[in-house]
Amino acid sequence: MSIESAADLAGLQRVGRVVARTIAEMKAAARIGMTTAELDAVAASTFRRFGARSAPQLAYNFPGVSCISVNDEIVHGIPGPRRLEPEDVLKIDVTAELGGYIADAATTILLPPIRLNATRLKQAALAALRTALTAARAGEQVAVIGRAVESEARQAGFAVVRELCGHGVGRHIHEEPSVPNYENRFSRDMLTEGLVIAVEPMLSESASRAVQTEDGWTIRTRNGCLAVHEEHTIVIRSGAPLIVTA
């Protein structure tokens, strides 16, 4: 979607604040020994408090409120009986609907004792997100985002997950345009004033294909290496984008 009115912007910011609050509360609650279902219950509680709903449940009948992925799992992990363990690399992906608007964000949590390479990988994803947001300006091609993400990943010695990408968002959970994490030289999509997109670097320790597991939802690295995920929903402007899930 594109922002067409003050009401659009207010609605998007409202749901963005719910997503940000939910992620903050899940981060505060995450601890070794708890199950991913218990962590998902934190998201459910926050959603109820603000009257929000899980967009993946609404759109795809996803079997959880949030997506919780661990270690080599990249995205779309199903919350369940799995207990969090020392050194786990935990990714929480929260997409909420409120008043007809949808916002999407994700972050990676490193459980102690923290592995050095996991720290480097997360820092690379954060740097990729920062650089991508700096490049995201009205009048630029969507491809500048992927160029920025892949450049940061390579400089840090890591790889982007090429099969997964960011996307338009706002009225539906997945909208046009597609926002790859590498430079697609064949794309002619443009970033326009008011366009709402989710920018989400997904990096892995080494180059690996993304494969779906037998549960039909979870996507992991084929070679079993660690993966991280950082994401914000933004509104494109002529200057710095507005981050609605900050």
Protein backbone atom coordinates (compact mmCIF):
# COMPACT_ATOMS: atom_id res chain seq x y z
CA MET A 1 0.00 0.00 0.00
CA SER A 2 0.91 3.65 -0.17
CA ILE A 3 -0.02 6.24 2.43
CA GLU A 4 -2.82 8.32 0.95
CA SER A 5 -4.19 10.14 4.00
CA ALA A 6 -3.46 11.15 7.57
CA ALA A 7 -5.76 8.32 8.64
CA ASP A 8 -3.62 5.80 6.74
CA LEU A 9 -0.48 7.03 8.46
CA ALA A 10 -2.09 7.05 11.91
CA GLY A 11 -3.46 3.54 11.43
CA LEU A 12 -0.13 2.18 10.27
CA GLN A 13 1.74 3.84 13.12
CA ARG A 14 -0.75 2.45 15.62
CA VAL A 15 -0.23 -1.15 14.53
CA GLY A 16 3.51 -0.51 14.22
CA ARG A 17 3.64 0.46 17.89
CA VAL A 18 1.86 -2.78 18.82
CA VAL A 19 4.43 -4.80 16.86
CA ALA A 20 7.31 -2.93 18.52
CA ARG A 21 5.82 -3.40 21.99
CA THR A 22 5.23 -7.10 21.36
CA ILE A 23 8.82 -7.66 20.27
CA ALA A 24 10.11 -5.76 23.30
CA GLU A 25 8.01 -7.87 25.66
CA MET A 26 9.04 -11.12 23.99
CA LYS A 27 12.71 -10.11 24.21
CA ALA A 28 12.31 -9.33 27.91
CA ALA A 29 10.61 -12.69 28.54
CA ALA A 30 12.91 -14.96 26.50
CA ARG A 31 14.99 -17.21 28.73
CA ILE A 32 16.71 -20.57 28.70
CA GLY A 33 14.32 -23.39 29.58
CA MET A 34 11.08 -21.81 28.39
CA THR A 35 9.27 -23.31 25.42
CA THR A 36 8.70 -21.44 22.21
CA ALA A 37 4.96 -21.86 22.87
CA GLU A 38 5.38 -20.02 26.18
CA LEU A 39 7.20 -17.22 24.38
CA ASP A 40 4.44 -17.07 21.77
CA ALA A 41 1.91 -16.70 24.61
CA VAL A 42 3.63 -13.41 25.47
CA ALA A 43 2.84 -12.18 21.96
CA ALA A 44 -0.76 -13.36 22.28
CA SER A 45 -1.16 -11.52 25.58
CA THR A 46 0.21 -8.27 24.13
CA PHE A 47 -2.06 -8.54 21.09
CA ARG A 48 -5.11 -9.04 23.31
CA ARG A 49 -4.18 -6.00 25.38
CA PHE A 50 -4.18 -3.76 22.31
CA GLY A 51 -6.96 -5.45 20.36
CA ALA A 52 -4.60 -6.62 17.61
CA ARG A 53 -4.69 -9.90 15.71
CA SER A 54 -2.02 -12.16 14.24
CA ALA A 55 -1.75 -11.42 10.52
CA PRO A 56 -0.21 -14.85 9.68
CA GLN A 57 -3.16 -16.52 11.40
CA LEU A 58 -5.66 -14.36 9.53
CA ALA A 59 -4.06 -14.73 6.11
CA TYR A 60 -2.60 -18.23 6.19
CA ASN A 61 -4.05 -19.98 9.25
CA PHE A 62 -0.54 -20.14 10.72
CA PRO A 63 -0.47 -22.34 13.87
CA GLY A 64 0.87 -19.64 16.18
CA VAL A 65 0.58 -15.94 16.93
CA SER A 66 4.19 -15.15 16.05
CA CYS A 67 6.89 -16.99 14.11
CA ILE A 68 9.70 -18.28 16.32
CA SER A 69 12.75 -19.82 14.65
CA VAL A 70 15.88 -21.22 16.30
CA ASN A 71 19.49 -21.65 15.12
CA ASP A 72 19.49 -22.94 11.51
CA GLU A 73 15.79 -22.13 11.18
CA ILE A 74 15.52 -18.88 9.23
CA VAL A 75 11.82 -17.97 9.37
CA HIS A 76 8.27 -19.25 9.92
CA GLY A 77 9.12 -21.51 12.87
CA ILE A 78 6.01 -22.84 14.63
CA PRO A 79 5.83 -22.15 18.39
CA GLY A 80 5.59 -25.41 20.34
CA PRO A 81 7.18 -27.62 22.99
CA ARG A 82 10.79 -26.95 22.00
CA ARG A 83 12.71 -25.58 24.98
CA LEU A 84 15.23 -22.80 24.52
CA GLU A 85 18.79 -23.84 25.27
CA PRO A 86 22.10 -22.11 26.04
CA GLU A 87 23.71 -20.54 22.93
CA ASP A 88 20.46 -20.62 20.96
CA VAL A 89 20.07 -18.06 18.17
CA LEU A 90 16.41 -17.12 18.46
CA LYS A 91 14.45 -15.21 15.82
CA ILE A 92 11.06 -13.69 16.59
CA ASP A 93 8.94 -12.39 13.72
CA VAL A 94 5.81 -10.44 14.66
CA THR A 95 3.14 -9.34 12.18
CA ALA A 96 0.01 -7.70 13.58
CA GLU A 97 -3.29 -6.46 12.18
CA LEU A 98 -5.16 -3.63 13.84
CA GLY A 99 -7.98 -1.59 12.35
CA GLY A 100 -7.34 -2.92 8.86
CA TYR A 101 -3.62 -2.06 8.86
CA ILE A 102 -0.70 -4.49 9.08
CA ALA A 103 2.91 -4.02 10.24
CA ASP A 104 5.73 -6.53 10.32
CA ALA A 105 9.06 -6.65 12.20
CA ALA A 106 11.58 -9.20 13.39
CA THR A 107 14.73 -9.44 15.47
CA THR A 108 17.33 -11.97 16.57
CA ILE A 109 17.96 -12.76 20.24
CA LEU A 110 21.20 -14.44 21.32
CA LEU A 111 20.87 -16.59 24.44
CA PRO A 112 23.91 -16.93 26.73
CA PRO A 113 26.62 -18.00 26.58
CA ILE A 114 26.71 -16.14 23.30
CA ARG A 115 28.79 -17.56 20.46
CA LEU A 116 31.22 -15.08 18.90
CA ASN A 117 30.15 -15.93 15.35
CA ALA A 118 26.49 -15.49 16.30
CA THR A 119 27.31 -11.99 17.57
CA ARG A 120 29.15 -11.15 14.35
CA LEU A 121 26.27 -12.51 12.27
CA LYS A 122 23.66 -10.49 14.15
CA GLN A 123 25.77 -7.33 13.95
CA ALA A 124 26.11 -7.85 10.19
CA ALA A 125 22.32 -8.14 9.82
CA LEU A 126 21.78 -4.98 11.85
CA ALA A 127 24.37 -3.13 9.77
CA ALA A 128 22.68 -4.41 6.61
CA LEU A 129 19.32 -3.13 7.82
CA ARG A 130 20.75 0.28 8.74
CA THR A 131 22.49 0.63 5.38
CA ALA A 132 19.39 -0.50 3.49
CA LEU A 133 17.24 2.07 5.28
CA THR A 134 19.77 4.77 4.45
CA ALA A 135 19.50 3.83 0.77
CA ALA A 136 15.68 3.59 0.70
CA ARG A 137 14.54 6.91 -0.75
CA ALA A 138 11.70 7.93 -3.05
CA GLY A 139 12.92 7.96 -6.64
CA GLU A 140 15.42 5.13 -6.16
CA GLN A 141 14.94 1.62 -7.51
CA VAL A 142 13.91 -1.10 -5.06
CA ALA A 143 17.15 -2.85 -6.05
CA VAL A 144 19.23 -0.36 -4.03
CA ILE A 145 17.98 -2.07 -0.86
CA GLY A 146 19.26 -5.48 -1.91
CA ARG A 147 22.55 -3.99 -3.05
CA ALA A 148 23.05 -2.44 0.39
CA VAL A 149 22.13 -5.63 2.27
CA GLU A 150 24.34 -7.92 0.21
CA SER A 151 27.28 -5.52 0.36
CA GLU A 152 27.19 -5.46 4.17
CA ALA A 153 26.82 -9.24 4.36
CA ARG A 154 29.79 -9.86 2.08
CA GLN A 155 32.00 -7.35 3.87
CA ALA A 156 31.35 -9.23 7.12
CA GLY A 157 32.06 -12.62 5.51
CA PHE A 158 28.47 -13.86 5.50
CA ALA A 159 25.79 -14.61 2.90
CA VAL A 160 22.26 -13.43 2.19
CA VAL A 161 19.43 -15.95 2.01
CA ARG A 162 18.50 -15.39 -1.61
CA GLU A 163 15.23 -17.35 -1.65
CA LEU A 164 13.59 -15.09 0.96
CA CYS A 165 12.95 -11.38 0.69
CA GLY A 166 11.16 -8.33 2.01
CA HIS A 167 7.85 -7.17 0.57
CA GLY A 168 5.16 -4.57 0.42
CA VAL A 169 2.85 -4.52 3.43
CA GLY A 170 0.10 -2.38 4.94
CA ARG A 171 -3.32 -3.71 4.01
CA HIS A 172 -2.24 -7.30 3.42
CA ILE A 173 0.61 -9.27 4.95
CA HIS A 174 2.42 -9.68 1.62
CA GLU A 175 2.03 -7.09 -1.12
CA GLU A 176 4.03 -5.83 -4.08
CA PRO A 177 6.82 -5.01 -4.55
CA SER A 178 9.18 -7.84 -3.72
CA VAL A 179 12.28 -6.54 -1.90
CA PRO A 180 15.17 -9.01 -2.39
CA ASN A 181 18.23 -8.97 -0.14
CA TYR A 182 20.50 -8.91 -3.18
CA GLU A 183 20.63 -6.60 -6.17
CA ASN A 184 18.18 -7.81 -8.80
CA ARG A 185 19.49 -6.07 -11.92
CA PHE A 186 16.36 -7.05 -13.87
CA SER A 187 13.94 -5.34 -11.48
CA ARG A 188 12.55 -1.98 -12.52
CA ASP A 189 10.37 -1.47 -9.43
CA MET A 190 10.69 2.01 -7.96
CA LEU A 191 10.47 3.34 -4.43
CA THR A 192 7.71 5.96 -4.43
CA GLU A 193 6.61 8.53 -1.86
CA GLY A 194 4.39 6.90 0.76
CA LEU A 195 5.08 3.30 -0.27
CA VAL A 196 4.97 0.90 2.70
CA ILE A 197 7.47 -1.97 2.66
CA ALA A 198 9.05 -4.47 5.04
CA VAL A 199 12.85 -4.50 4.76
CA GLU A 200 14.23 -7.71 6.26
CA PRO A 201 17.83 -8.84 5.89
CA MET A 202 18.16 -12.59 6.44
CA LEU A 203 21.78 -13.69 6.63
CA SER A 204 23.47 -17.06 7.07
CA GLU A 205 26.95 -18.04 8.23
CA SER A 206 27.74 -19.48 4.81
CA ALA A 207 26.02 -19.63 1.45
CA SER A 208 23.16 -22.10 1.69
CA ARG A 209 19.84 -22.79 0.07
CA ALA A 210 16.71 -22.22 2.12
CA VAL A 211 14.58 -25.36 2.45
CA GLN A 212 11.18 -26.03 3.99
CA THR A 213 10.95 -28.61 6.76
CA GLU A 214 8.42 -31.40 7.05
CA ASP A 215 6.05 -29.30 9.18
CA GLY A 216 5.17 -27.35 6.03
CA TRP A 217 6.04 -23.96 7.56
CA THR A 218 9.55 -23.70 8.99
CA ILE A 219 12.30 -22.69 6.56
CA ARG A 220 15.88 -23.53 7.49
CA THR A 221 19.35 -23.49 5.94
CA ARG A 222 20.03 -26.61 3.89
CA ASN A 223 23.57 -27.01 5.28
CA GLY A 224 22.54 -26.45 8.91
CA CYS A 225 24.46 -23.20 9.42
CA LEU A 226 23.17 -20.42 11.68
CA ALA A 227 20.84 -17.76 10.32
CA VAL A 228 19.67 -14.38 11.62
CA HIS A 229 16.78 -12.06 10.76
CA GLU A 230 16.21 -8.34 11.34
CA GLU A 231 13.20 -6.43 9.98
CA HIS A 232 11.27 -3.17 10.09
CA THR A 233 8.20 -1.83 8.32
CA ILE A 234 8.93 1.56 6.79
CA VAL A 235 7.23 4.32 4.82
CA ILE A 236 9.27 5.60 1.88
CA ARG A 237 9.88 9.35 1.77
CA SER A 238 12.16 11.72 -0.13
CA GLY A 239 14.44 11.81 2.91
CA ALA A 240 14.99 9.16 5.56
CA PRO A 241 12.15 6.61 5.66
CA LEU A 242 9.70 6.57 8.53
CA ILE A 243 10.23 3.42 10.62
CA VAL A 244 6.80 2.52 11.97
CA THR A 245 7.96 -0.52 13.97
CA ALA A 246 10.88 1.16 15.77
